[in-house]
Amino acid sequence: MSHPSLHQGKTTSGPLVLAVDLGTSGCKCALVSLDGTVAAWAFEPVELHVDGVGVEQDPHDWWQAFIDAAAAVCSDPELRKRVVAVCCSTQAECTVCVDRDGNTLGRAMLWLDMRGAQAIARRLRGRFFNVMGHAPGKLMRWLRLTGGVPAQSGKDNAGHIAYIRDHEPERYARTYKFLNALDYMNLRLTGRYCSTPDSMLTTWVTDNRDPHRIRYDASLLTLLGIDREKLPDIIPSTEVVGPVLKEVIEQLGLPGDTVVVAGAIDTSAVAVGAAVQDFEPHLYLGTSSWLGAHVPFKKTDVRSKIASVPCAIPGRYLAIALQSSAGVNLSFLRDRILFHSDEFLSDEEQPDVYEILNIIAARVPAGANGLIYMPWLFGERTPVEDSTLRAGLVNLSLGHSREDIIRAFLEGVAFNSRWMMEPFVRLLGRDPGPIAAVGGGAQSDLWCQIIADVSGRPIRQMENPIQANSQGAAFLAGIGIGALRPSDLPSLQRHRRIYEPNAQLRELYDERFGFFKELHRQLSPVYARLNQSTPKGAAYAG
């Protein structure tokens, strides 16, 4: 058995939620009070299996990482006896095949897995005429019913299932249910097959026009060739799935009446933890990044690849714009350029490395002495959908230093975030005001200030930005057991500091932002030729 490092939080009183945050790097478990205070947390990494364009994880590794991390945070009997619910927040666009007994049929295909590109393309294209790779009638149907379309890259659940049906027909036939990561965790916790509206979203077979009644659509199932009986029933994120199974209760020492609340995928859970009121935006700065805001309407901006889609808050949609690469640029700089990757452990175990990068970057002035960095290590999704884009450092000279390069990396992500904000604000139809910053990157005072200066918008750094997923899961659990209402959450979403944009830097950053967009216009044809074998496209909202 592994022994994850246990981190103690603040002293709390009252009921606790065992909040599970399952990401690509591993599983974090936290004990969180119903007011969002984190009492303890632990992290356990999970192995990633990469074979060409195939990217997988073993669901058994997810479960073992959960058991190890949960056992660590539940090791204090005084905290353990106060747990009333378990609620998960997980990575999305993972596809797990299980049989009738809940046994997995192979590893899970992850959101990075592009094996389904050709299989999904066959289902999207028309015979004679196509718009952005789609038959016009199919495109309009998907946009009208769901708000998005399957990813041409094959990275989402629709692409995964298409690949399995076409290339692994025996596995398809043996599959009783296709589950996302969230659905699999709830199955292991309760024995119940179910999904949530946001977890099922990127299978792209649900009619999302009524947020109170998300349901499967027969015509979309037919377009993708998916059998309805192979998909779990859909329940709200705030519904109690059932009691925790007896064997899990005994293994973790939880109270016998502990229940499981359905929970949400990471984007939805972060939104619940960060900013729940309509039109109030948040910016998540993790490995990837996204802008999100709850809205009362379903809407899609096809050109900029932004949509409002089903989420965890009853009766609401989540408007979301996705940026492929944010914090991964810093980990790339750390592990591939500045240090050897073996010199450091996981991000969870070596957070001080990023603080060192912040200190170094703060030594140089705004504008990084003329350096401009494009942060497209893994293509881009918003406001352009182009998987062939790649990162680049422009205007580098002998006079530059590592300080300039590190600051340019931080500013490059900020420029891309500003680029994403422009269509996002148009979709909202109003000025959203200050933007809440969450995720590991939002712990950086320097980065928050840079984003404020580049975007010209106040950035509201949350009190505990790295715990937004866990807090969102705890709030959903509180709603599920009747201890909280959605209207209670704004008062629980506390911030540490507001970073106001520096007016003296406005002219400088406006000019550099213009250069940033010009570099995209000039270089995107070059990237397209250099990387022409890369599968094109990503889901509008997936």
Protein backbone atom coordinates (compact mmCIF):
# COMPACT_ATOMS: atom_id res chain seq x y z
CA MET A 1 0.00 0.00 0.00
CA SER A 2 1.21 3.51 -0.87
CA HIS A 3 1.67 6.19 1.75
CA PRO A 4 0.66 9.58 0.33
CA SER A 5 1.90 12.72 2.09
CA LEU A 6 -0.81 14.06 4.38
CA HIS A 7 -1.30 17.82 4.50
CA GLN A 8 -3.14 19.34 7.43
CA GLY A 9 -5.46 22.27 6.77
CA LYS A 10 -7.44 24.54 9.07
CA THR A 11 -9.34 23.55 12.17
CA THR A 12 -12.99 22.93 11.41
CA SER A 13 -16.18 21.92 13.16
CA GLY A 14 -19.35 20.21 12.01
CA PRO A 15 -19.93 17.73 9.16
CA LEU A 16 -17.21 16.94 6.63
CA VAL A 17 -17.29 15.81 3.00
CA LEU A 18 -14.70 13.42 1.61
CA ALA A 19 -14.08 15.35 -1.61
CA VAL A 20 -12.32 13.44 -4.40
CA ASP A 21 -10.40 15.32 -7.11
CA LEU A 22 -9.30 12.79 -9.75
CA GLY A 23 -7.12 14.39 -12.41
CA THR A 24 -4.76 13.10 -15.07
CA SER A 25 -1.76 13.31 -12.74
CA GLY A 26 -3.46 11.46 -9.90
CA CYS A 27 -6.07 11.51 -7.17
CA LYS A 28 -6.34 14.09 -4.41
CA CYS A 29 -8.70 13.50 -1.49
CA ALA A 30 -9.67 16.22 0.95
CA LEU A 31 -11.85 16.51 4.02
CA VAL A 32 -13.85 19.69 3.50
CA SER A 33 -16.40 21.33 5.76
CA LEU A 34 -19.67 22.61 4.34
CA ASP A 35 -18.34 26.18 4.43
CA GLY A 36 -15.44 25.20 2.17
CA THR A 37 -12.71 24.94 4.81
CA VAL A 38 -10.18 22.20 3.99
CA ALA A 39 -9.22 20.22 7.10
CA ALA A 40 -6.78 17.77 5.46
CA TRP A 41 -5.74 16.56 2.02
CA ALA A 42 -3.49 13.98 0.39
CA PHE A 43 -2.39 13.18 -3.15
CA GLU A 44 -1.50 9.91 -4.86
CA PRO A 45 -0.15 9.87 -8.46
CA VAL A 46 -1.54 7.65 -11.22
CA GLU A 47 0.52 6.21 -14.07
CA LEU A 48 -0.11 7.42 -17.61
CA HIS A 49 0.26 4.97 -20.53
CA VAL A 50 1.16 6.60 -23.85
CA ASP A 51 1.53 4.70 -27.12
CA GLY A 52 1.64 7.02 -30.14
CA VAL A 53 -1.71 8.83 -30.25
CA GLY A 54 -3.17 6.40 -27.69
CA VAL A 55 -3.23 7.74 -24.12
CA GLU A 56 -4.70 5.56 -21.37
CA GLN A 57 -4.93 4.99 -17.63
CA ASP A 58 -6.00 1.90 -15.72
CA PRO A 59 -9.25 2.56 -13.80
CA HIS A 60 -7.98 0.17 -11.11
CA ASP A 61 -5.11 2.62 -10.59
CA TRP A 62 -7.64 5.44 -10.14
CA TRP A 63 -9.44 3.42 -7.50
CA GLN A 64 -6.28 2.40 -5.66
CA ALA A 65 -5.05 6.01 -5.68
CA PHE A 66 -8.40 7.04 -4.21
CA ILE A 67 -8.24 4.38 -1.50
CA ASP A 68 -4.67 5.36 -0.56
CA ALA A 69 -5.34 9.11 -0.48
CA ALA A 70 -8.68 8.69 1.28
CA ALA A 71 -7.13 6.42 3.91
CA ALA A 72 -4.50 9.08 4.58
CA VAL A 73 -6.99 11.92 5.15
CA CYS A 74 -9.27 9.63 7.18
CA SER A 75 -6.45 8.46 9.45
CA ASP A 76 -7.55 10.89 12.18
CA PRO A 77 -10.53 9.20 13.90
CA GLU A 78 -11.88 12.54 15.14
CA LEU A 79 -12.14 13.83 11.56
CA ARG A 80 -13.22 10.51 10.08
CA LYS A 81 -16.28 10.16 12.27
CA ARG A 82 -17.61 13.55 11.02
CA VAL A 83 -17.76 12.49 7.35
CA VAL A 84 -21.34 12.54 6.06
CA ALA A 85 -20.84 12.27 2.29
CA VAL A 86 -18.41 11.43 -0.50
CA CYS A 87 -18.45 13.50 -3.69
CA CYS A 88 -16.16 13.30 -6.73
CA SER A 89 -14.79 15.80 -9.21
CA THR A 90 -12.90 14.12 -12.06
CA GLN A 91 -11.13 14.65 -15.34
CA ALA A 92 -13.55 14.49 -18.26
CA GLU A 93 -13.64 12.84 -21.70
CA CYS A 94 -12.42 9.50 -20.34
CA THR A 95 -14.06 6.33 -21.63
CA VAL A 96 -14.25 3.22 -19.47
CA CYS A 97 -15.81 0.00 -20.76
CA VAL A 98 -17.37 -2.21 -18.07
CA ASP A 99 -19.24 -5.51 -18.21
CA ARG A 100 -22.46 -6.41 -16.41
CA ASP A 101 -20.55 -7.11 -13.20
CA GLY A 102 -18.80 -3.74 -13.28
CA ASN A 103 -15.46 -5.22 -14.31
CA THR A 104 -13.38 -3.07 -16.62
CA LEU A 105 -12.67 -4.25 -20.16
CA GLY A 106 -9.21 -2.79 -20.67
CA ARG A 107 -7.77 0.59 -19.78
CA ALA A 108 -9.63 3.88 -20.01
CA MET A 109 -9.11 6.09 -23.07
CA LEU A 110 -8.25 9.61 -21.87
CA TRP A 111 -9.02 13.10 -23.14
CA LEU A 112 -5.58 13.11 -24.82
CA ASP A 113 -6.29 9.94 -26.85
CA MET A 114 -6.68 10.68 -30.57
CA ARG A 115 -7.15 7.16 -31.97
CA GLY A 116 -10.78 7.89 -32.79
CA ALA A 117 -10.05 10.74 -35.25
CA GLN A 118 -10.77 8.74 -38.42
CA ALA A 119 -13.67 6.82 -36.92
CA ILE A 120 -15.50 9.96 -35.82
CA ALA A 121 -14.70 11.78 -39.08
CA ARG A 122 -16.62 9.11 -41.00
CA ARG A 123 -19.66 9.80 -38.85
CA LEU A 124 -19.43 13.60 -39.15
CA ARG A 125 -18.81 14.07 -42.88
CA GLY A 126 -21.40 14.24 -45.60
CA ARG A 127 -21.11 12.63 -49.02
CA PHE A 128 -20.99 15.77 -51.18
CA PHE A 129 -20.54 18.97 -49.15
CA ASN A 130 -19.10 19.72 -45.70
CA VAL A 131 -18.77 22.71 -43.40
CA MET A 132 -15.73 22.58 -41.11
CA GLY A 133 -15.57 18.83 -41.70
CA HIS A 134 -19.28 18.27 -41.00
CA ALA A 135 -22.29 17.58 -43.14
CA PRO A 136 -24.37 20.79 -42.78
CA GLY A 137 -27.48 18.97 -41.58
CA LYS A 138 -25.56 17.01 -38.97
CA LEU A 139 -23.74 20.13 -37.79
CA MET A 140 -26.97 22.08 -37.34
CA ARG A 141 -28.63 19.19 -35.50
CA TRP A 142 -25.76 18.84 -33.03
CA LEU A 143 -25.54 22.56 -32.39
CA ARG A 144 -29.30 22.91 -31.95
CA LEU A 145 -29.66 19.98 -29.56
CA THR A 146 -26.37 19.85 -27.66
CA GLY A 147 -24.57 23.18 -28.10
CA GLY A 148 -21.44 21.53 -29.55
CA VAL A 149 -20.23 18.75 -31.82
CA PRO A 150 -17.97 15.71 -31.49
CA ALA A 151 -14.25 16.53 -31.61
CA GLN A 152 -12.68 15.82 -34.99
CA SER A 153 -9.50 15.00 -33.07
CA GLY A 154 -11.24 11.92 -31.64
CA LYS A 155 -10.28 13.00 -28.11
CA ASP A 156 -13.75 12.95 -26.54
CA ASN A 157 -16.12 10.15 -25.55
CA ALA A 158 -17.85 10.17 -28.93
CA GLY A 159 -14.52 9.58 -30.68
CA HIS A 160 -13.48 6.90 -28.21
CA ILE A 161 -16.70 4.93 -28.61
CA ALA A 162 -16.54 5.27 -32.40
CA TYR A 163 -13.00 3.87 -32.33
CA ILE A 164 -13.98 0.94 -30.11
CA ARG A 165 -16.99 0.09 -32.27
CA ASP A 166 -14.97 0.18 -35.50
CA HIS A 167 -11.66 -1.32 -34.37
CA GLU A 168 -12.51 -3.41 -31.30
CA PRO A 169 -15.96 -4.86 -32.11
CA GLU A 170 -15.60 -7.68 -29.59
CA ARG A 171 -14.90 -5.17 -26.80
CA TYR A 172 -17.87 -3.08 -27.95
CA ALA A 173 -20.15 -6.13 -27.87
CA ARG A 174 -18.96 -7.12 -24.37
CA THR A 175 -19.44 -3.60 -22.97
CA TYR A 176 -22.48 -3.31 -20.75
CA LYS A 177 -21.97 0.42 -20.09
CA PHE A 178 -19.63 3.11 -21.37
CA LEU A 179 -18.67 5.27 -18.38
CA ASN A 180 -16.76 8.49 -17.88
CA ALA A 181 -14.24 8.71 -15.01
CA LEU A 182 -16.87 10.26 -12.72
CA ASP A 183 -19.38 7.52 -13.52
CA TYR A 184 -16.80 4.81 -12.85
CA MET A 185 -15.90 6.24 -9.44
CA ASN A 186 -19.57 6.43 -8.47
CA LEU A 187 -20.04 2.83 -9.61
CA ARG A 188 -17.16 1.67 -7.41
CA LEU A 189 -18.48 3.69 -4.47
CA THR A 190 -22.14 2.64 -4.67
CA GLY A 191 -22.59 -0.18 -7.20
CA ARG A 192 -24.95 2.03 -9.25
CA TYR A 193 -24.57 2.75 -12.99
CA CYS A 194 -25.34 6.43 -13.60
CA SER A 195 -24.02 9.58 -15.20
CA THR A 196 -24.49 13.34 -14.81
CA PRO A 197 -25.43 15.83 -17.57
CA ASP A 198 -21.91 17.30 -17.67
CA SER A 199 -20.22 13.89 -17.56
CA MET A 200 -22.30 12.61 -20.47
CA LEU A 201 -21.95 15.86 -22.47
CA THR A 202 -19.02 14.91 -24.69
CA THR A 203 -20.61 11.70 -25.85
CA TRP A 204 -22.73 14.25 -27.79
CA VAL A 205 -25.97 12.27 -27.71
CA THR A 206 -28.07 14.35 -25.28
CA ASP A 207 -30.76 16.95 -25.93
CA ASN A 208 -29.61 19.85 -23.74
CA ARG A 209 -32.24 22.45 -24.60
CA ASP A 210 -34.01 22.17 -21.25
CA PRO A 211 -31.47 22.30 -18.38
CA HIS A 212 -34.01 20.67 -16.06
CA ARG A 213 -34.49 17.71 -18.44
CA ILE A 214 -31.25 16.60 -20.09
CA ARG A 215 -32.08 13.42 -21.98
CA TYR A 216 -30.75 11.11 -24.68
CA ASP A 217 -31.81 11.89 -28.25
CA ALA A 218 -32.52 8.97 -30.56
CA SER A 219 -31.39 10.79 -33.71
CA LEU A 220 -27.97 11.64 -32.23
CA LEU A 221 -27.52 8.07 -31.02
CA THR A 222 -28.24 6.91 -34.56
CA LEU A 223 -25.78 9.38 -36.11
CA LEU A 224 -22.98 8.04 -33.91
CA GLY A 225 -24.11 4.42 -34.01
CA ILE A 226 -24.28 4.07 -30.20
CA ASP A 227 -26.76 1.68 -28.58
CA ARG A 228 -28.79 3.49 -25.91
CA GLU A 229 -28.70 0.53 -23.54
CA LYS A 230 -24.91 0.82 -23.37
CA LEU A 231 -25.16 4.26 -21.72
CA PRO A 232 -26.06 4.84 -18.04
CA ASP A 233 -29.11 6.78 -16.88
CA ILE A 234 -28.56 10.51 -16.30
CA ILE A 235 -29.12 12.05 -12.87
CA PRO A 236 -28.45 15.58 -11.50
CA SER A 237 -25.03 16.34 -10.03
CA THR A 238 -26.69 17.13 -6.70
CA GLU A 239 -28.60 13.83 -6.43
CA VAL A 240 -27.68 11.28 -3.78
CA VAL A 241 -26.51 8.24 -5.77
CA GLY A 242 -26.82 5.96 -2.76
CA PRO A 243 -25.02 4.80 0.38
CA VAL A 244 -21.31 3.99 0.26
CA LEU A 245 -20.80 0.26 -0.21
CA LYS A 246 -20.16 -1.69 2.96
CA GLU A 247 -16.69 -2.85 1.87
CA VAL A 248 -15.59 0.75 1.23
CA ILE A 249 -17.02 1.85 4.59
CA GLU A 250 -15.00 -0.85 6.32
CA GLN A 251 -11.82 -0.18 4.35
CA LEU A 252 -11.80 3.55 5.15
CA GLY A 253 -13.48 3.45 8.54
CA LEU A 254 -16.25 5.84 7.48
CA PRO A 255 -19.54 6.20 9.38
CA GLY A 256 -22.03 3.56 8.25
CA ASP A 257 -24.59 6.10 7.01
CA THR A 258 -22.19 7.94 4.65
CA VAL A 259 -23.77 8.65 1.26
CA VAL A 260 -22.41 9.46 -2.20
CA VAL A 261 -23.56 12.58 -4.07
CA ALA A 262 -23.24 12.37 -7.87
CA GLY A 263 -20.67 15.18 -8.24
CA ALA A 264 -19.30 16.66 -11.46
CA ILE A 265 -16.47 16.76 -13.95
CA ASP A 266 -13.64 19.16 -13.17
CA THR A 267 -14.87 22.18 -15.16
CA SER A 268 -18.28 22.06 -13.49
CA ALA A 269 -16.91 21.46 -9.99
CA VAL A 270 -14.43 24.33 -10.27
CA ALA A 271 -17.25 26.65 -11.31
CA VAL A 272 -19.24 25.66 -8.23
CA GLY A 273 -16.22 26.31 -6.02
CA ALA A 274 -15.21 29.60 -7.63
CA ALA A 275 -18.18 31.63 -8.86
CA VAL A 276 -21.73 30.34 -8.88
CA GLN A 277 -23.79 33.46 -9.62
CA ASP A 278 -24.98 34.11 -13.17
CA PHE A 279 -22.43 35.86 -15.43
CA GLU A 280 -19.76 35.87 -12.70
CA PRO A 281 -16.60 34.55 -14.42
CA HIS A 282 -13.68 32.47 -13.24
CA LEU A 283 -10.34 31.62 -14.83
CA TYR A 284 -8.87 28.22 -14.04
CA LEU A 285 -5.07 28.06 -14.30
CA GLY A 286 -3.95 24.46 -14.21
CA THR A 287 -2.18 22.24 -16.72
CA SER A 288 -4.73 23.58 -19.19
CA SER A 289 -6.92 26.61 -18.61
CA TRP A 290 -10.48 27.72 -19.10
CA LEU A 291 -12.82 30.66 -18.65
CA GLY A 292 -16.23 29.83 -17.27
CA ALA A 293 -19.42 31.46 -16.03
CA HIS A 294 -22.87 30.16 -15.15
CA VAL A 295 -25.59 31.54 -17.43
CA PRO A 296 -29.36 31.03 -17.73
CA PHE A 297 -29.26 30.26 -21.47
CA LYS A 298 -27.91 27.75 -23.99
CA LYS A 299 -25.80 29.45 -26.66
CA THR A 300 -22.96 28.56 -29.04
CA ASP A 301 -20.37 30.75 -30.77
CA VAL A 302 -19.32 28.44 -33.60
CA ARG A 303 -16.58 30.71 -34.92
CA SER A 304 -14.77 31.05 -31.56
CA LYS A 305 -15.58 27.56 -30.30
CA ILE A 306 -17.36 28.71 -27.11
CA ALA A 307 -20.62 27.29 -25.81
CA SER A 308 -22.83 27.20 -22.76
CA VAL A 309 -23.43 23.58 -21.84
CA PRO A 310 -25.00 21.46 -19.06
CA CYS A 311 -23.33 21.82 -15.69
CA ALA A 312 -23.68 20.92 -12.02
CA ILE A 313 -25.99 23.76 -10.90
CA PRO A 314 -29.66 22.83 -11.42
CA GLY A 315 -31.36 24.89 -14.12
CA ARG A 316 -28.19 26.58 -15.33
CA TYR A 317 -25.62 26.22 -18.10
CA LEU A 318 -21.87 26.78 -17.92
CA ALA A 319 -20.44 29.06 -20.60
CA ILE A 320 -16.91 27.81 -21.14
CA ALA A 321 -13.90 28.65 -23.29
CA LEU A 322 -11.00 26.19 -23.19
CA GLN A 323 -7.28 26.91 -23.57
CA SER A 324 -5.19 23.81 -24.27
CA SER A 325 -1.93 24.76 -22.52
CA ALA A 326 -1.41 26.97 -19.48
CA GLY A 327 0.57 25.67 -16.51
CA VAL A 328 1.98 22.87 -18.66
CA ASN A 329 4.18 25.54 -20.25
CA LEU A 330 5.85 26.12 -16.88
CA SER A 331 6.26 22.41 -16.14
CA PHE A 332 7.72 21.99 -19.64
CA LEU A 333 10.15 24.84 -18.97
CA ARG A 334 11.06 23.36 -15.60
CA ASP A 335 11.47 19.71 -16.63
CA ARG A 336 12.68 19.91 -20.22
CA ILE A 337 14.69 23.14 -20.29
CA LEU A 338 15.86 24.30 -16.87
CA PHE A 339 16.16 20.97 -15.06
CA HIS A 340 16.15 17.26 -15.81
CA SER A 341 12.71 15.77 -15.12
CA ASP A 342 14.17 13.14 -12.77
CA GLU A 343 15.43 15.86 -10.44
CA PHE A 344 11.88 16.60 -9.27
CA LEU A 345 8.91 14.67 -8.01
CA SER A 346 5.30 15.49 -8.87
CA ASP A 347 3.91 19.01 -8.85
CA GLU A 348 2.03 18.16 -5.66
CA GLU A 349 5.27 17.22 -3.91
CA GLN A 350 7.47 20.04 -5.24
CA PRO A 351 5.33 23.21 -5.33
CA ASP A 352 8.25 25.47 -4.33
CA VAL A 353 9.86 25.10 -7.78
CA TYR A 354 7.15 27.30 -9.28
CA GLU A 355 7.66 29.92 -6.59
CA ILE A 356 11.32 30.04 -7.59
CA LEU A 357 10.26 30.65 -11.20
CA ASN A 358 8.01 33.49 -10.01
CA ILE A 359 10.88 35.09 -8.09
CA ILE A 360 13.15 34.88 -11.13
CA ALA A 361 10.49 36.27 -13.51
CA ALA A 362 9.79 39.23 -11.21
CA ARG A 363 13.35 40.52 -11.74
CA VAL A 364 12.59 41.81 -15.24
CA PRO A 365 10.13 44.50 -16.33
CA ALA A 366 6.75 44.03 -17.98
CA GLY A 367 7.13 43.03 -21.61
CA ALA A 368 10.04 40.63 -20.93
CA ASN A 369 12.44 43.00 -22.72
CA GLY A 370 10.75 42.40 -26.06
CA LEU A 371 10.28 38.61 -25.91
CA ILE A 372 6.91 37.19 -26.96
CA TYR A 373 5.93 33.60 -26.24
CA MET A 374 3.10 31.67 -27.90
CA PRO A 375 1.94 28.95 -25.45
CA TRP A 376 0.52 26.44 -27.95
CA LEU A 377 2.39 23.31 -26.86
CA PHE A 378 -0.62 21.12 -27.64
CA GLY A 379 -2.47 23.11 -30.29
CA GLU A 380 -5.35 25.39 -29.36
CA ARG A 381 -9.10 25.21 -28.87
CA THR A 382 -10.33 28.79 -28.24
CA PRO A 383 -10.69 31.20 -29.95
CA VAL A 384 -9.17 29.19 -32.81
CA GLU A 385 -9.57 25.44 -33.20
CA ASP A 386 -6.22 24.26 -34.52
CA SER A 387 -4.36 21.24 -33.21
CA THR A 388 -1.38 21.96 -35.50
CA LEU A 389 -0.34 25.14 -33.64
CA ARG A 390 2.86 24.90 -31.62
CA ALA A 391 4.65 27.03 -29.04
CA GLY A 392 7.31 29.54 -30.00
CA LEU A 393 9.57 32.19 -28.49
CA VAL A 394 9.98 35.21 -30.76
CA ASN A 395 12.56 38.02 -30.79
CA LEU A 396 15.16 36.15 -28.72
CA SER A 397 18.64 37.71 -28.75
CA LEU A 398 22.01 37.34 -27.05
CA GLY A 399 20.96 40.08 -24.68
CA HIS A 400 18.14 38.05 -23.17
CA SER A 401 18.36 35.96 -20.02
CA ARG A 402 16.47 33.12 -18.37
CA GLU A 403 14.60 35.80 -16.37
CA ASP A 404 13.21 37.25 -19.62
CA ILE A 405 12.25 33.80 -20.91
CA ILE A 406 10.40 32.80 -17.75
CA ARG A 407 8.47 36.09 -17.69
CA ALA A 408 7.67 35.71 -21.40
CA PHE A 409 6.14 32.28 -20.64
CA LEU A 410 3.87 33.81 -17.99
CA GLU A 411 2.90 36.69 -20.27
CA GLY A 412 2.27 34.35 -23.21
CA VAL A 413 -0.40 32.45 -21.30
CA ALA A 414 -1.87 35.80 -20.24
CA PHE A 415 -2.02 36.99 -23.87
CA ASN A 416 -3.78 33.79 -24.87
CA SER A 417 -6.22 34.23 -21.97
CA ARG A 418 -7.00 37.78 -23.15
CA TRP A 419 -7.50 36.45 -26.69
CA MET A 420 -9.98 33.94 -25.26
CA MET A 421 -11.74 36.60 -23.17
CA GLU A 422 -12.82 38.69 -26.16
CA PRO A 423 -15.37 36.25 -27.66
CA PHE A 424 -16.25 34.98 -24.18
CA VAL A 425 -17.44 38.43 -23.10
CA ARG A 426 -19.42 38.76 -26.34
CA LEU A 427 -21.18 35.46 -25.64
CA LEU A 428 -22.10 36.64 -22.12
CA GLY A 429 -23.52 39.84 -23.61
CA ARG A 430 -22.24 42.02 -20.79
CA ASP A 431 -19.12 43.11 -18.95
CA PRO A 432 -18.56 40.33 -16.40
CA GLY A 433 -16.53 42.41 -13.94
CA PRO A 434 -13.69 40.92 -11.85
CA ILE A 435 -12.56 37.42 -12.76
CA ALA A 436 -12.03 34.83 -10.00
CA ALA A 437 -8.68 33.03 -10.38
CA VAL A 438 -8.43 29.38 -9.29
CA GLY A 439 -6.18 26.39 -9.87
CA GLY A 440 -2.52 25.84 -9.05
CA GLY A 441 -1.34 28.73 -11.22
CA ALA A 442 -3.62 31.15 -9.37
CA GLN A 443 -1.45 30.73 -6.28
CA SER A 444 1.13 32.95 -8.01
CA ASP A 445 0.77 36.60 -7.05
CA LEU A 446 2.95 37.58 -10.01
CA TRP A 447 0.89 35.62 -12.54
CA CYS A 448 -2.39 37.03 -11.23
CA GLN A 449 -0.99 40.56 -11.58
CA ILE A 450 0.34 39.86 -15.08
CA ILE A 451 -3.06 38.55 -16.20
CA ALA A 452 -4.76 41.63 -14.73
CA ASP A 453 -2.30 43.94 -16.52
CA VAL A 454 -2.50 42.11 -19.86
CA SER A 455 -6.28 41.70 -19.87
CA GLY A 456 -7.14 45.05 -18.31
CA ARG A 457 -9.53 43.26 -15.94
CA PRO A 458 -9.41 42.89 -12.15
CA ILE A 459 -8.38 39.40 -11.06
CA ARG A 460 -9.88 38.08 -7.84
CA GLN A 461 -7.51 35.51 -6.33
CA MET A 462 -9.51 32.99 -4.33
CA GLU A 463 -8.54 32.28 -0.74
CA ASN A 464 -7.44 28.72 -1.48
CA PRO A 465 -7.25 28.55 -5.29
CA ILE A 466 -5.70 25.10 -5.60
CA GLN A 467 -8.61 23.54 -3.68
CA ALA A 468 -11.40 24.86 -5.92
CA ASN A 469 -12.27 21.37 -7.24
CA SER A 470 -12.51 19.91 -3.74
CA GLN A 471 -14.53 22.84 -2.45
CA GLY A 472 -16.89 22.59 -5.42
CA ALA A 473 -17.41 18.88 -4.72
CA ALA A 474 -18.08 19.65 -1.05
CA PHE A 475 -20.64 22.33 -1.95
CA LEU A 476 -22.42 19.92 -4.32
CA ALA A 477 -22.51 17.34 -1.54
CA GLY A 478 -23.95 19.95 0.83
CA ILE A 479 -26.72 20.71 -1.67
CA GLY A 480 -27.32 17.00 -2.23
CA ILE A 481 -27.86 16.21 1.46
CA GLY A 482 -30.02 19.31 1.98
CA ALA A 483 -27.53 21.22 4.14
CA LEU A 484 -26.88 23.96 1.54
CA ARG A 485 -28.72 25.79 -1.22
CA PRO A 486 -27.09 27.21 -4.37
CA SER A 487 -27.95 30.68 -3.07
CA ASP A 488 -25.75 30.03 -0.01
CA LEU A 489 -22.59 29.55 -2.06
CA PRO A 490 -21.60 33.13 -3.00
CA SER A 491 -20.97 33.97 0.66
CA LEU A 492 -18.72 30.89 0.98
CA GLN A 493 -16.54 31.75 -2.05
CA ARG A 494 -13.94 33.84 -0.26
CA HIS A 495 -11.10 35.65 -1.99
CA ARG A 496 -7.61 36.49 -0.78
CA ARG A 497 -6.83 39.56 -2.86
CA ILE A 498 -7.97 41.56 -5.90
CA TYR A 499 -5.30 42.48 -8.47
CA GLU A 500 -6.16 45.70 -10.29
CA PRO A 501 -4.67 46.31 -13.76
CA ASN A 502 -1.81 48.81 -13.89
CA ALA A 503 -2.98 51.64 -16.16
CA GLN A 504 0.63 52.62 -16.92
CA LEU A 505 1.19 49.26 -18.65
CA ARG A 506 -1.94 49.39 -20.79
CA GLU A 507 -0.30 50.84 -23.90
CA LEU A 508 2.62 48.39 -23.71
CA TYR A 509 0.44 45.31 -23.36
CA ASP A 510 -2.07 46.46 -26.00
CA GLU A 511 0.81 46.71 -28.46
CA ARG A 512 2.27 43.32 -27.49
CA PHE A 513 -1.16 41.71 -27.69
CA GLY A 514 -1.46 43.01 -31.25
CA PHE A 515 1.91 41.42 -32.05
CA PHE A 516 0.72 38.16 -30.43
CA LYS A 517 -2.31 37.93 -32.73
CA GLU A 518 -0.23 38.95 -35.75
CA LEU A 519 2.23 36.14 -34.99
CA HIS A 520 -0.67 33.69 -35.04
CA ARG A 521 -1.85 34.95 -38.42
CA GLN A 522 1.64 34.73 -39.89
CA LEU A 523 2.73 31.42 -38.37
CA SER A 524 -0.42 29.28 -38.44
CA PRO A 525 0.05 28.34 -42.14
CA VAL A 526 3.62 27.29 -41.36
CA TYR A 527 2.50 25.15 -38.42
CA ALA A 528 -0.19 23.58 -40.59
CA ARG A 529 2.43 22.44 -43.11
CA LEU A 530 4.90 21.30 -40.46
CA ASN A 531 2.29 19.31 -38.52
CA GLN A 532 -0.07 18.27 -41.29
CA SER A 533 -0.29 14.68 -40.01
CA THR A 534 -1.79 15.86 -36.69
CA PRO A 535 -5.54 15.13 -36.37
CA LYS A 536 -7.46 18.39 -36.75
CA GLY A 537 -9.97 19.88 -34.40
CA ALA A 538 -11.32 19.75 -30.88
CA ALA A 539 -14.82 19.86 -29.48
CA TYR A 540 -16.36 23.29 -29.07
CA ALA A 541 -17.07 22.65 -25.45
CA GLY A 542 -15.56 19.26 -24.72
